[in-house]
Amino acid sequence: DTVPYVGTDRLPNYGTDIMVATPQWQKFSASGGVTAGHDDNFDEWSSAWIFFTTLNLNWRPTDRARVEGRWVQQRYYRTSDGSLVRQRMIPRLKLEYQVARPVFVRVVGQYDAVQVDSLRDDSRTNDPILIREPDGSFRRAAAEERGGLRWDGLFSYQPTPGTVFFFGYGATLGSPRFLEPSLLQRTQDGFFVKASYLYRI
């Protein structure tokens, strides 16, 4: 009751990019872009309308502090009926602060959320797509969603040129929902320490 999945032999692509940016002011700058057009629906190997947006912000409130923000969103729509087959959202924030000449701290956080529709043979039969399991059975490529947060912190101490100490901590948290930060649970932790000393003779 199953047939091999073939897909479409040709997927024509065309699109456009629009980018805007502010001047590089002393304390603030920003840029953004939109990519739209006719591209590949890789999940179902058919054509899709794509709509990507990107936004970058840079803020330097003082000589010691720096804030960088980035927002990325990607959406794929089926050309057959306009339904959403996949979307991905990635907000990212980086904070840096020079506490004193030898002391520097940095914190980076990024959320990555993905949502995928139930897959079908969109380019030909519209039958459900089945995935073969290692035991030979099949399962339907059902709708799924997930979210994940990754953040890292770094402390740096450089008393003299050539002598430096690094201490860092990072954590990964996962969620079974697209945008449900309240469901995040820690899945991985990591620490690292690095020290170097330049010996002069």
Protein backbone atom coordinates (compact mmCIF):
# COMPACT_ATOMS: atom_id res chain seq x y z
CA ASP A 1 0.00 0.00 0.00
CA THR A 2 3.03 2.30 -0.37
CA VAL A 3 4.97 3.55 -3.38
CA PRO A 4 8.47 5.05 -3.55
CA TYR A 5 8.51 8.81 -3.20
CA VAL A 6 9.73 10.51 -6.37
CA GLY A 7 9.00 14.22 -6.09
CA THR A 8 9.40 16.69 -8.94
CA ASP A 9 12.30 16.57 -11.39
CA ARG A 10 12.51 20.36 -11.93
CA LEU A 11 12.02 23.17 -9.42
CA PRO A 12 12.34 26.62 -11.03
CA ASN A 13 13.49 29.37 -8.67
CA TYR A 14 13.29 33.13 -8.79
CA GLY A 15 13.09 35.86 -6.19
CA THR A 16 14.18 39.25 -4.97
CA ASP A 17 16.12 40.74 -2.06
CA ILE A 18 15.51 44.12 -0.45
CA MET A 19 18.04 45.45 2.06
CA VAL A 20 18.02 48.72 4.01
CA ALA A 21 20.52 50.07 6.54
CA THR A 22 21.04 53.15 8.66
CA PRO A 23 24.30 55.10 8.69
CA GLN A 24 26.93 53.90 11.14
CA TRP A 25 26.15 56.37 13.91
CA GLN A 26 28.34 56.63 17.00
CA LYS A 27 25.91 54.82 19.31
CA PHE A 28 23.40 53.10 17.05
CA SER A 29 23.04 51.34 13.73
CA ALA A 30 20.48 49.00 12.20
CA SER A 31 19.87 47.00 9.07
CA GLY A 32 17.14 44.78 7.74
CA GLY A 33 16.21 42.77 4.73
CA VAL A 34 13.45 40.80 3.06
CA THR A 35 13.88 37.88 0.67
CA ALA A 36 10.80 36.72 -1.20
CA GLY A 37 10.13 34.57 -4.21
CA HIS A 38 9.62 31.11 -5.64
CA ASP A 39 12.03 28.54 -4.20
CA ASP A 40 12.37 24.93 -3.01
CA ASN A 41 10.13 23.24 -0.49
CA PHE A 42 12.81 20.80 0.63
CA ASP A 43 10.52 18.97 3.06
CA GLU A 44 8.24 17.76 0.25
CA TRP A 45 10.59 18.31 -2.73
CA SER A 46 8.20 20.64 -4.47
CA SER A 47 7.97 24.37 -5.08
CA ALA A 48 7.23 26.95 -2.40
CA TRP A 49 6.71 30.63 -1.93
CA ILE A 50 9.35 31.85 0.51
CA PHE A 51 9.38 34.88 2.74
CA PHE A 52 12.49 35.56 4.84
CA THR A 53 12.99 38.58 7.09
CA THR A 54 16.14 39.67 8.93
CA LEU A 55 16.68 42.55 11.34
CA ASN A 56 19.98 43.61 12.98
CA LEU A 57 20.39 46.22 15.70
CA ASN A 58 23.60 47.53 17.27
CA TRP A 59 23.53 49.83 20.28
CA ARG A 60 26.54 51.27 22.11
CA PRO A 61 25.14 53.22 25.07
CA THR A 62 28.63 53.87 26.52
CA ASP A 63 32.24 53.26 25.58
CA ARG A 64 32.18 50.13 27.72
CA ALA A 65 28.85 48.56 26.79
CA ARG A 66 27.62 47.04 23.55
CA VAL A 67 24.28 45.43 22.70
CA GLU A 68 23.65 43.46 19.51
CA GLY A 69 20.27 42.06 18.52
CA ARG A 70 19.29 39.93 15.56
CA TRP A 71 15.92 38.59 14.39
CA VAL A 72 15.56 35.99 11.63
CA GLN A 73 12.29 34.50 10.39
CA GLN A 74 11.88 32.05 7.50
CA ARG A 75 8.56 30.89 6.05
CA TYR A 76 7.78 28.40 3.28
CA TYR A 77 4.30 28.29 1.72
CA ARG A 78 3.06 25.64 -0.71
CA THR A 79 2.42 27.04 -4.17
CA SER A 80 -0.50 24.63 -4.61
CA ASP A 81 -2.78 26.06 -1.91
CA GLY A 82 -0.73 28.69 -0.03
CA SER A 83 -0.58 26.66 3.20
CA LEU A 84 2.39 27.06 5.52
CA VAL A 85 4.68 24.02 5.38
CA ARG A 86 7.58 25.27 7.51
CA GLN A 87 8.59 28.27 9.55
CA ARG A 88 11.62 29.04 11.65
CA MET A 89 12.21 31.93 14.04
CA ILE A 90 15.61 32.83 15.57
CA PRO A 91 15.92 35.85 17.89
CA ARG A 92 19.45 36.45 19.21
CA LEU A 93 20.82 38.90 21.77
CA LYS A 94 24.45 39.60 22.73
CA LEU A 95 25.53 41.83 25.64
CA GLU A 96 29.15 42.88 26.21
CA TYR A 97 30.59 45.03 28.97
CA GLN A 98 34.15 46.15 29.70
CA VAL A 99 34.05 46.33 33.50
CA ALA A 100 37.64 47.61 33.69
CA ARG A 101 40.67 47.50 31.44
CA PRO A 102 41.55 43.88 32.37
CA VAL A 103 37.98 42.60 33.00
CA PHE A 104 35.45 41.80 30.28
CA VAL A 105 32.08 39.97 30.40
CA ARG A 106 29.80 38.75 27.64
CA VAL A 107 26.39 37.03 27.57
CA VAL A 108 24.81 35.59 24.42
CA GLY A 109 21.31 34.14 24.17
CA GLN A 110 19.53 32.64 21.16
CA TYR A 111 16.10 31.07 20.79
CA ASP A 112 15.50 28.73 17.84
CA ALA A 113 11.90 27.70 17.09
CA VAL A 114 10.78 25.43 14.24
CA GLN A 115 7.30 24.45 13.11
CA VAL A 116 6.61 21.95 10.28
CA ASP A 117 3.25 20.94 8.84
CA SER A 118 2.18 17.35 8.18
CA LEU A 119 4.01 16.46 4.96
CA ARG A 120 2.41 15.24 1.76
CA ASP A 121 3.36 14.61 -1.88
CA ASP A 122 2.46 18.17 -2.77
CA SER A 123 3.90 18.14 -6.30
CA ARG A 124 2.05 15.01 -7.54
CA THR A 125 -0.42 12.82 -5.64
CA ASN A 126 -1.01 14.71 -2.36
CA ASP A 127 -0.66 11.38 -0.56
CA PRO A 128 0.91 11.46 2.91
CA ILE A 129 4.68 11.11 3.04
CA LEU A 130 5.85 8.05 4.98
CA ILE A 131 9.27 7.57 6.54
CA ARG A 132 10.81 4.11 6.82
CA GLU A 133 11.98 3.16 10.31
CA PRO A 134 15.06 0.97 10.96
CA ASP A 135 12.80 -2.03 11.68
CA GLY A 136 11.16 -1.73 8.23
CA SER A 137 7.91 -0.18 9.42
CA PHE A 138 6.61 3.18 8.23
CA ARG A 139 5.48 6.26 10.09
CA ARG A 140 3.72 9.29 8.73
CA ALA A 141 5.66 12.56 8.56
CA ALA A 142 3.24 14.25 10.94
CA ALA A 143 3.23 17.89 11.98
CA GLU A 144 5.86 18.79 14.54
CA GLU A 145 7.15 21.80 16.40
CA ARG A 146 9.96 22.51 18.81
CA GLY A 147 11.84 25.34 20.43
CA GLY A 148 15.22 25.68 22.03
CA LEU A 149 17.16 28.25 23.98
CA ARG A 150 20.94 28.41 24.10
CA TRP A 151 22.80 30.92 26.23
CA ASP A 152 26.49 31.36 27.02
CA GLY A 153 28.34 33.57 29.47
CA LEU A 154 32.03 34.49 29.41
CA PHE A 155 34.25 36.18 32.00
CA SER A 156 37.69 37.32 30.84
CA TYR A 157 40.56 38.64 32.95
CA GLN A 158 43.72 39.92 31.25
CA PRO A 159 45.99 41.58 33.82
CA THR A 160 48.90 41.98 31.38
CA PRO A 161 49.34 41.39 27.63
CA GLY A 162 49.89 37.68 27.08
CA THR A 163 48.38 36.63 30.40
CA VAL A 164 44.67 35.86 30.27
CA PHE A 165 42.09 33.81 32.16
CA PHE A 166 38.74 32.74 30.69
CA PHE A 167 35.78 31.23 32.52
CA GLY A 168 32.61 30.34 30.65
CA TYR A 169 29.29 28.61 31.18
CA GLY A 170 26.67 27.57 28.63
CA ALA A 171 23.26 25.92 28.86
CA THR A 172 20.86 24.43 26.32
CA LEU A 173 17.13 24.22 27.03
CA GLY A 174 14.46 22.57 24.88
CA SER A 175 10.71 22.93 24.51
CA PRO A 176 8.19 20.70 22.68
CA ARG A 177 6.33 23.76 21.42
CA PHE A 178 7.14 26.43 18.84
CA LEU A 179 6.92 29.48 21.09
CA GLU A 180 6.37 28.31 24.67
CA PRO A 181 9.36 29.50 26.75
CA SER A 182 7.50 28.39 29.90
CA LEU A 183 7.96 24.75 28.80
CA LEU A 184 11.74 25.00 28.43
CA GLN A 185 13.73 22.32 30.25
CA ARG A 186 17.49 22.12 30.60
CA THR A 187 19.05 19.45 28.41
CA GLN A 188 22.76 20.27 28.50
CA ASP A 189 25.28 22.28 30.53
CA GLY A 190 28.88 23.09 29.85
CA PHE A 191 31.75 24.82 31.63
CA PHE A 192 35.15 25.76 30.37
CA VAL A 193 38.24 27.37 31.86
CA LYS A 194 41.29 28.57 29.98
CA ALA A 195 44.46 30.20 31.23
CA SER A 196 47.56 31.34 29.38
CA TYR A 197 50.74 33.00 30.54
CA LEU A 198 53.41 34.60 28.41
CA TYR A 199 56.84 33.94 29.88
CA ARG A 200 59.44 36.45 28.82
CA ILE A 201 63.20 35.86 29.00
